[in-house]
Amino acid sequence: MLSLDNNESHQDKEATIAKVPYAKKEKSNEWTYTMRRDMQEVIPGLYLGPYSAAIKSQLPSLLQSGITHIICVRQDIEANFIKPNFPDKFKYLVLNIADTATENIIQHFHKVRTFIDEALNSGGRVLVHGNAGISRSAALVLAYLMEKYGLSQTRAYTIVQQRRFCINPNEGFMAQLREYEPIYQAQQTSRHSLLTQRIKRTIHQMDNEKTEDKCDKMDS
């Protein structure tokens, strides 16, 4: 009879979390000030950078990097100079987020993850940018890595900073990322529990079908 271990350990649950894939590093491991003007690949297919990496003169670079999707982060007063420049070439997600400590950024995490996952799962590549690529866009990338790979805020920050050293989300965003950690963990636990229940029901159904088949053969 098929069975499922009811005493699944914490280590087993941790093992189900996908390992973080690492993007190739730049030729030079030393961060220089001018690099903040460029985008950096955080994990394969996911880039973080400033608006200057998405302006019209950067189209050849975007195409060469294989970018297919862009998340443009701005607030209303920035809309005149931070905007989608290539709506006919890339798929955009435009988010109105102010870089203030009181701004609710958590509300955007789900749509950002959905957008990035859809892009990566289809073989695309995503650039997330704000104005400087330091606070708002960095916070969104941090949240994505945290939920996607089951990371703590501290671990996610370390990974992103290794690629883009200048990241510095404002204190309000950092506080919300800390608050988000138990939220996404609870959601993952709930999803894991539901999946386990479905597997158990399937196994139980298979066992019942096997028993019924045996009974039918005996009757015949």
C-alpha atoms as a PDB file:
ATOM      1  CA  MET A   1       0.000   0.000   0.000  1.00  0.00           C
ATOM      2  CA  LEU A   2       1.243   3.473  -0.837  1.00  0.00           C
ATOM      3  CA  SER A   3       1.819   5.773   2.123  1.00  0.00           C
ATOM      4  CA  LEU A   4       2.967   9.279   2.960  1.00  0.00           C
ATOM      5  CA  ASP A   5       5.185  10.165   5.900  1.00  0.00           C
ATOM      6  CA  ASN A   6       3.118  12.225   8.319  1.00  0.00           C
ATOM      7  CA  ASN A   7       6.183  13.301  10.272  1.00  0.00           C
ATOM      8  CA  GLU A   8       7.783  15.409   7.597  1.00  0.00           C
ATOM      9  CA  SER A   9      10.644  17.302   9.164  1.00  0.00           C
ATOM     10  CA  HIS A  10      11.509  20.960   8.864  1.00  0.00           C
ATOM     11  CA  GLN A  11      14.622  19.952   6.937  1.00  0.00           C
ATOM     12  CA  ASP A  12      12.471  18.166   4.359  1.00  0.00           C
ATOM     13  CA  LYS A  13      10.410  21.300   3.845  1.00  0.00           C
ATOM     14  CA  GLU A  14      13.543  23.401   3.472  1.00  0.00           C
ATOM     15  CA  ALA A  15      14.834  20.960   0.859  1.00  0.00           C
ATOM     16  CA  THR A  16      11.786  21.662  -1.310  1.00  0.00           C
ATOM     17  CA  ILE A  17      12.799  25.313  -1.666  1.00  0.00           C
ATOM     18  CA  ALA A  18      14.515  25.915  -4.977  1.00  0.00           C
ATOM     19  CA  LYS A  19      18.151  26.915  -4.830  1.00  0.00           C
ATOM     20  CA  VAL A  20      18.898  30.421  -6.003  1.00  0.00           C
ATOM     21  CA  PRO A  21      20.449  30.360  -9.490  1.00  0.00           C
ATOM     22  CA  TYR A  22      23.333  32.772  -9.894  1.00  0.00           C
ATOM     23  CA  ALA A  23      23.795  34.975 -12.904  1.00  0.00           C
ATOM     24  CA  LYS A  24      27.227  35.344 -14.421  1.00  0.00           C
ATOM     25  CA  LYS A  25      29.240  38.103 -12.786  1.00  0.00           C
ATOM     26  CA  GLU A  26      30.623  41.081 -14.633  1.00  0.00           C
ATOM     27  CA  LYS A  27      34.148  40.717 -15.971  1.00  0.00           C
ATOM     28  CA  SER A  28      35.411  42.789 -13.061  1.00  0.00           C
ATOM     29  CA  ASN A  29      34.339  41.884  -9.540  1.00  0.00           C
ATOM     30  CA  GLU A  30      35.154  45.388  -8.318  1.00  0.00           C
ATOM     31  CA  TRP A  31      32.199  47.759  -8.117  1.00  0.00           C
ATOM     32  CA  THR A  32      32.742  51.215  -9.552  1.00  0.00           C
ATOM     33  CA  TYR A  33      30.553  54.291  -9.241  1.00  0.00           C
ATOM     34  CA  THR A  34      29.760  54.409 -12.951  1.00  0.00           C
ATOM     35  CA  MET A  35      28.266  50.905 -12.818  1.00  0.00           C
ATOM     36  CA  ARG A  36      25.192  52.303 -11.076  1.00  0.00           C
ATOM     37  CA  ARG A  37      24.191  53.797 -14.425  1.00  0.00           C
ATOM     38  CA  ASP A  38      23.929  50.306 -15.940  1.00  0.00           C
ATOM     39  CA  MET A  39      21.661  47.359 -15.233  1.00  0.00           C
ATOM     40  CA  GLN A  40      22.969  44.225 -13.549  1.00  0.00           C
ATOM     41  CA  GLU A  41      21.705  40.651 -13.852  1.00  0.00           C
ATOM     42  CA  VAL A  42      20.705  39.473 -10.363  1.00  0.00           C
ATOM     43  CA  ILE A  43      19.621  35.951 -11.280  1.00  0.00           C
ATOM     44  CA  PRO A  44      19.456  34.493 -14.788  1.00  0.00           C
ATOM     45  CA  GLY A  45      16.956  36.577 -16.734  1.00  0.00           C
ATOM     46  CA  LEU A  46      16.220  39.162 -14.015  1.00  0.00           C
ATOM     47  CA  TYR A  47      17.956  42.527 -14.200  1.00  0.00           C
ATOM     48  CA  LEU A  48      17.933  45.518 -11.848  1.00  0.00           C
ATOM     49  CA  GLY A  49      18.984  48.984 -12.887  1.00  0.00           C
ATOM     50  CA  PRO A  50      18.212  52.688 -13.225  1.00  0.00           C
ATOM     51  CA  TYR A  51      16.002  54.445 -15.738  1.00  0.00           C
ATOM     52  CA  SER A  52      19.133  55.384 -17.676  1.00  0.00           C
ATOM     53  CA  ALA A  53      19.402  51.699 -18.647  1.00  0.00           C
ATOM     54  CA  ALA A  54      15.996  51.880 -20.348  1.00  0.00           C
ATOM     55  CA  ILE A  55      16.206  55.157 -22.265  1.00  0.00           C
ATOM     56  CA  LYS A  56      16.033  55.300 -26.044  1.00  0.00           C
ATOM     57  CA  SER A  57      19.793  55.295 -26.559  1.00  0.00           C
ATOM     58  CA  GLN A  58      19.992  51.988 -24.675  1.00  0.00           C
ATOM     59  CA  LEU A  59      17.757  50.023 -27.045  1.00  0.00           C
ATOM     60  CA  PRO A  60      20.698  48.132 -28.623  1.00  0.00           C
ATOM     61  CA  SER A  61      21.929  47.111 -25.169  1.00  0.00           C
ATOM     62  CA  LEU A  62      18.455  45.976 -24.095  1.00  0.00           C
ATOM     63  CA  LEU A  63      18.045  43.893 -27.232  1.00  0.00           C
ATOM     64  CA  GLN A  64      21.531  42.445 -26.929  1.00  0.00           C
ATOM     65  CA  SER A  65      20.746  41.376 -23.343  1.00  0.00           C
ATOM     66  CA  GLY A  66      17.557  39.706 -24.548  1.00  0.00           C
ATOM     67  CA  ILE A  67      15.213  41.890 -22.501  1.00  0.00           C
ATOM     68  CA  THR A  68      11.557  41.178 -23.315  1.00  0.00           C
ATOM     69  CA  HIS A  69       9.744  42.617 -20.275  1.00  0.00           C
ATOM     70  CA  ILE A  70      10.270  45.820 -18.288  1.00  0.00           C
ATOM     71  CA  ILE A  71       8.882  46.872 -14.911  1.00  0.00           C
ATOM     72  CA  CYS A  72       8.885  50.670 -14.802  1.00  0.00           C
ATOM     73  CA  VAL A  73       8.597  52.097 -11.280  1.00  0.00           C
ATOM     74  CA  ARG A  74       7.768  55.760 -10.796  1.00  0.00           C
ATOM     75  CA  GLN A  75       5.393  58.090  -9.029  1.00  0.00           C
ATOM     76  CA  ASP A  76       2.880  60.346 -10.746  1.00  0.00           C
ATOM     77  CA  ILE A  77       5.087  63.426 -10.683  1.00  0.00           C
ATOM     78  CA  GLU A  78       7.840  61.478 -12.469  1.00  0.00           C
ATOM     79  CA  ALA A  79       5.612  60.216 -15.284  1.00  0.00           C
ATOM     80  CA  ASN A  80       6.808  62.864 -17.727  1.00  0.00           C
ATOM     81  CA  PHE A  81      10.412  61.697 -17.650  1.00  0.00           C
ATOM     82  CA  ILE A  82      10.250  58.095 -16.365  1.00  0.00           C
ATOM     83  CA  LYS A  83       8.099  56.247 -18.863  1.00  0.00           C
ATOM     84  CA  PRO A  84       7.971  53.266 -21.225  1.00  0.00           C
ATOM     85  CA  ASN A  85      10.102  54.198 -24.213  1.00  0.00           C
ATOM     86  CA  PHE A  86       9.547  51.053 -26.293  1.00  0.00           C
ATOM     87  CA  PRO A  87       5.933  49.864 -25.845  1.00  0.00           C
ATOM     88  CA  ASP A  88       6.086  48.249 -29.286  1.00  0.00           C
ATOM     89  CA  LYS A  89       9.187  46.194 -28.446  1.00  0.00           C
ATOM     90  CA  PHE A  90       8.795  45.180 -24.786  1.00  0.00           C
ATOM     91  CA  LYS A  91       5.949  44.225 -22.488  1.00  0.00           C
ATOM     92  CA  TYR A  92       5.676  46.748 -19.666  1.00  0.00           C
ATOM     93  CA  LEU A  93       4.330  46.760 -16.141  1.00  0.00           C
ATOM     94  CA  VAL A  94       4.134  50.350 -14.900  1.00  0.00           C
ATOM     95  CA  LEU A  95       3.836  50.869 -11.142  1.00  0.00           C
ATOM     96  CA  ASN A  96       3.159  54.154  -9.389  1.00  0.00           C
ATOM     97  CA  ILE A  97       5.251  54.009  -6.221  1.00  0.00           C
ATOM     98  CA  ALA A  98       6.657  56.958  -4.302  1.00  0.00           C
ATOM     99  CA  ASP A  99      10.079  56.572  -2.726  1.00  0.00           C
ATOM    100  CA  THR A 100       8.868  57.481   0.757  1.00  0.00           C
ATOM    101  CA  ALA A 101       8.973  55.558   4.024  1.00  0.00           C
ATOM    102  CA  THR A 102       5.166  55.620   4.296  1.00  0.00           C
ATOM    103  CA  GLU A 103       4.466  54.215   0.814  1.00  0.00           C
ATOM    104  CA  ASN A 104       2.732  50.818   0.799  1.00  0.00           C
ATOM    105  CA  ILE A 105       4.959  48.723  -1.445  1.00  0.00           C
ATOM    106  CA  ILE A 106       3.771  45.315  -0.223  1.00  0.00           C
ATOM    107  CA  GLN A 107       0.577  45.680  -2.254  1.00  0.00           C
ATOM    108  CA  HIS A 108       2.635  45.435  -5.451  1.00  0.00           C
ATOM    109  CA  PHE A 109       4.622  42.293  -4.606  1.00  0.00           C
ATOM    110  CA  HIS A 110       2.113  39.771  -5.990  1.00  0.00           C
ATOM    111  CA  LYS A 111       1.660  41.435  -9.385  1.00  0.00           C
ATOM    112  CA  VAL A 112       5.435  41.855  -9.692  1.00  0.00           C
ATOM    113  CA  ARG A 113       6.055  38.174  -8.996  1.00  0.00           C
ATOM    114  CA  THR A 114       3.340  37.154 -11.468  1.00  0.00           C
ATOM    115  CA  PHE A 115       4.795  39.422 -14.168  1.00  0.00           C
ATOM    116  CA  ILE A 116       8.372  38.206 -13.637  1.00  0.00           C
ATOM    117  CA  ASP A 117       7.398  34.532 -13.446  1.00  0.00           C
ATOM    118  CA  GLU A 118       5.359  34.745 -16.652  1.00  0.00           C
ATOM    119  CA  ALA A 119       8.306  36.354 -18.419  1.00  0.00           C
ATOM    120  CA  LEU A 120      10.941  33.907 -17.182  1.00  0.00           C
ATOM    121  CA  ASN A 121       8.714  30.867 -17.722  1.00  0.00           C
ATOM    122  CA  SER A 122       8.222  31.887 -21.349  1.00  0.00           C
ATOM    123  CA  GLY A 123      11.962  32.243 -21.895  1.00  0.00           C
ATOM    124  CA  GLY A 124      11.960  36.021 -21.539  1.00  0.00           C
ATOM    125  CA  ARG A 125      14.169  38.410 -19.599  1.00  0.00           C
ATOM    126  CA  VAL A 126      13.045  41.186 -17.274  1.00  0.00           C
ATOM    127  CA  LEU A 127      14.471  44.571 -16.355  1.00  0.00           C
ATOM    128  CA  VAL A 128      13.165  46.186 -13.169  1.00  0.00           C
ATOM    129  CA  HIS A 129      13.986  49.884 -12.961  1.00  0.00           C
ATOM    130  CA  GLY A 130      12.937  52.986 -11.076  1.00  0.00           C
ATOM    131  CA  ASN A 131      14.784  56.258 -11.302  1.00  0.00           C
ATOM    132  CA  ALA A 132      18.147  55.331  -9.797  1.00  0.00           C
ATOM    133  CA  GLY A 133      17.652  51.570  -9.372  1.00  0.00           C
ATOM    134  CA  ILE A 134      18.471  51.866  -5.690  1.00  0.00           C
ATOM    135  CA  SER A 135      15.323  51.929  -3.548  1.00  0.00           C
ATOM    136  CA  ARG A 136      11.915  51.138  -5.079  1.00  0.00           C
ATOM    137  CA  SER A 137      12.993  48.762  -7.826  1.00  0.00           C
ATOM    138  CA  ALA A 138      15.511  47.123  -5.495  1.00  0.00           C
ATOM    139  CA  ALA A 139      12.793  46.483  -2.897  1.00  0.00           C
ATOM    140  CA  LEU A 140      10.631  44.773  -5.533  1.00  0.00           C
ATOM    141  CA  VAL A 141      13.492  42.520  -6.617  1.00  0.00           C
ATOM    142  CA  LEU A 142      14.257  41.690  -2.979  1.00  0.00           C
ATOM    143  CA  ALA A 143      10.634  40.701  -2.365  1.00  0.00           C
ATOM    144  CA  TYR A 144      10.642  38.530  -5.487  1.00  0.00           C
ATOM    145  CA  LEU A 145      13.751  36.625  -4.412  1.00  0.00           C
ATOM    146  CA  MET A 146      12.468  36.237  -0.858  1.00  0.00           C
ATOM    147  CA  GLU A 147       9.203  34.628  -1.919  1.00  0.00           C
ATOM    148  CA  LYS A 148      10.495  32.749  -4.945  1.00  0.00           C
ATOM    149  CA  TYR A 149      13.378  31.064  -3.136  1.00  0.00           C
ATOM    150  CA  GLY A 150      12.245  31.137   0.491  1.00  0.00           C
ATOM    151  CA  LEU A 151      14.914  33.610   1.562  1.00  0.00           C
ATOM    152  CA  SER A 152      15.139  35.882   4.557  1.00  0.00           C
ATOM    153  CA  GLN A 153      15.295  39.600   3.921  1.00  0.00           C
ATOM    154  CA  THR A 154      18.944  39.617   4.966  1.00  0.00           C
ATOM    155  CA  ARG A 155      19.917  36.779   2.620  1.00  0.00           C
ATOM    156  CA  ALA A 156      18.049  38.293  -0.323  1.00  0.00           C
ATOM    157  CA  TYR A 157      19.698  41.660   0.310  1.00  0.00           C
ATOM    158  CA  THR A 158      23.143  40.064   0.287  1.00  0.00           C
ATOM    159  CA  ILE A 159      22.471  38.332  -3.032  1.00  0.00           C
ATOM    160  CA  VAL A 160      21.161  41.460  -4.756  1.00  0.00           C
ATOM    161  CA  GLN A 161      23.910  43.672  -3.339  1.00  0.00           C
ATOM    162  CA  GLN A 162      26.541  41.283  -4.692  1.00  0.00           C
ATOM    163  CA  ARG A 163      25.251  42.162  -8.161  1.00  0.00           C
ATOM    164  CA  ARG A 164      24.261  45.801  -7.645  1.00  0.00           C
ATOM    165  CA  PHE A 165      26.253  47.148  -4.736  1.00  0.00           C
ATOM    166  CA  CYS A 166      24.506  50.544  -4.615  1.00  0.00           C
ATOM    167  CA  ILE A 167      21.050  49.255  -3.588  1.00  0.00           C
ATOM    168  CA  ASN A 168      19.601  51.072  -0.577  1.00  0.00           C
ATOM    169  CA  PRO A 169      15.806  50.756  -0.136  1.00  0.00           C
ATOM    170  CA  ASN A 170      14.413  53.393   2.211  1.00  0.00           C
ATOM    171  CA  GLU A 171      13.766  52.412   5.826  1.00  0.00           C
ATOM    172  CA  GLY A 172      10.029  52.077   5.237  1.00  0.00           C
ATOM    173  CA  PHE A 173      10.548  49.563   2.433  1.00  0.00           C
ATOM    174  CA  MET A 174      13.043  47.613   4.527  1.00  0.00           C
ATOM    175  CA  ALA A 175      10.535  47.448   7.375  1.00  0.00           C
ATOM    176  CA  GLN A 176       7.846  46.178   4.997  1.00  0.00           C
ATOM    177  CA  LEU A 177      10.199  43.524   3.640  1.00  0.00           C
ATOM    178  CA  ARG A 178      10.755  42.321   7.201  1.00  0.00           C
ATOM    179  CA  GLU A 179       6.987  42.246   7.705  1.00  0.00           C
ATOM    180  CA  TYR A 180       6.555  40.364   4.436  1.00  0.00           C
ATOM    181  CA  GLU A 181       8.831  37.525   5.496  1.00  0.00           C
ATOM    182  CA  PRO A 182       6.328  35.790   7.854  1.00  0.00           C
ATOM    183  CA  ILE A 183       3.475  36.617   5.452  1.00  0.00           C
ATOM    184  CA  TYR A 184       4.915  34.753   2.477  1.00  0.00           C
ATOM    185  CA  GLN A 185       6.187  31.970   4.736  1.00  0.00           C
ATOM    186  CA  ALA A 186       2.664  31.428   6.070  1.00  0.00           C
ATOM    187  CA  GLN A 187       1.341  31.366   2.504  1.00  0.00           C
ATOM    188  CA  GLN A 188       3.959  28.812   1.478  1.00  0.00           C
ATOM    189  CA  THR A 189       3.140  26.653   4.505  1.00  0.00           C
ATOM    190  CA  SER A 190      -0.541  26.792   3.598  1.00  0.00           C
ATOM    191  CA  ARG A 191       0.153  25.849  -0.027  1.00  0.00           C
ATOM    192  CA  HIS A 192       2.442  23.033   1.111  1.00  0.00           C
ATOM    193  CA  SER A 193      -0.275  21.726   3.443  1.00  0.00           C
ATOM    194  CA  LEU A 194      -2.882  21.807   0.672  1.00  0.00           C
ATOM    195  CA  LEU A 195      -0.525  19.991  -1.700  1.00  0.00           C
ATOM    196  CA  THR A 196       0.149  17.324   0.922  1.00  0.00           C
ATOM    197  CA  GLN A 197      -3.581  16.841   1.453  1.00  0.00           C
ATOM    198  CA  ARG A 198      -4.155  16.474  -2.300  1.00  0.00           C
ATOM    199  CA  ILE A 199      -1.377  13.879  -2.542  1.00  0.00           C
ATOM    200  CA  LYS A 200      -2.838  11.945   0.371  1.00  0.00           C
ATOM    201  CA  ARG A 201      -6.306  11.994  -1.202  1.00  0.00           C
ATOM    202  CA  THR A 202      -4.878  10.785  -4.513  1.00  0.00           C
ATOM    203  CA  ILE A 203      -2.981   7.964  -2.808  1.00  0.00           C
ATOM    204  CA  HIS A 204      -6.075   6.988  -0.825  1.00  0.00           C
ATOM    205  CA  GLN A 205      -8.142   6.960  -4.003  1.00  0.00           C
ATOM    206  CA  MET A 206      -5.549   4.790  -5.776  1.00  0.00           C
ATOM    207  CA  ASP A 207      -5.538   2.331  -2.864  1.00  0.00           C
ATOM    208  CA  ASN A 208      -9.333   2.125  -2.933  1.00  0.00           C
ATOM    209  CA  GLU A 209      -9.328   1.510  -6.676  1.00  0.00           C
ATOM    210  CA  LYS A 210      -6.773  -1.285  -6.266  1.00  0.00           C
ATOM    211  CA  THR A 211      -8.885  -2.860  -3.524  1.00  0.00           C
ATOM    212  CA  GLU A 212     -12.000  -2.654  -5.685  1.00  0.00           C
ATOM    213  CA  ASP A 213     -10.140  -4.249  -8.611  1.00  0.00           C
ATOM    214  CA  LYS A 214      -9.048  -7.145  -6.403  1.00  0.00           C
ATOM    215  CA  CYS A 215     -12.599  -7.637  -5.161  1.00  0.00           C
ATOM    216  CA  ASP A 216     -13.943  -7.597  -8.717  1.00  0.00           C
ATOM    217  CA  LYS A 217     -11.404 -10.237  -9.780  1.00  0.00           C
ATOM    218  CA  MET A 218     -12.306 -12.427  -6.821  1.00  0.00           C
ATOM    219  CA  ASP A 219     -16.013 -12.138  -7.617  1.00  0.00           C
ATOM    220  CA  SER A 220     -15.381 -13.090 -11.223  1.00  0.00           C
END
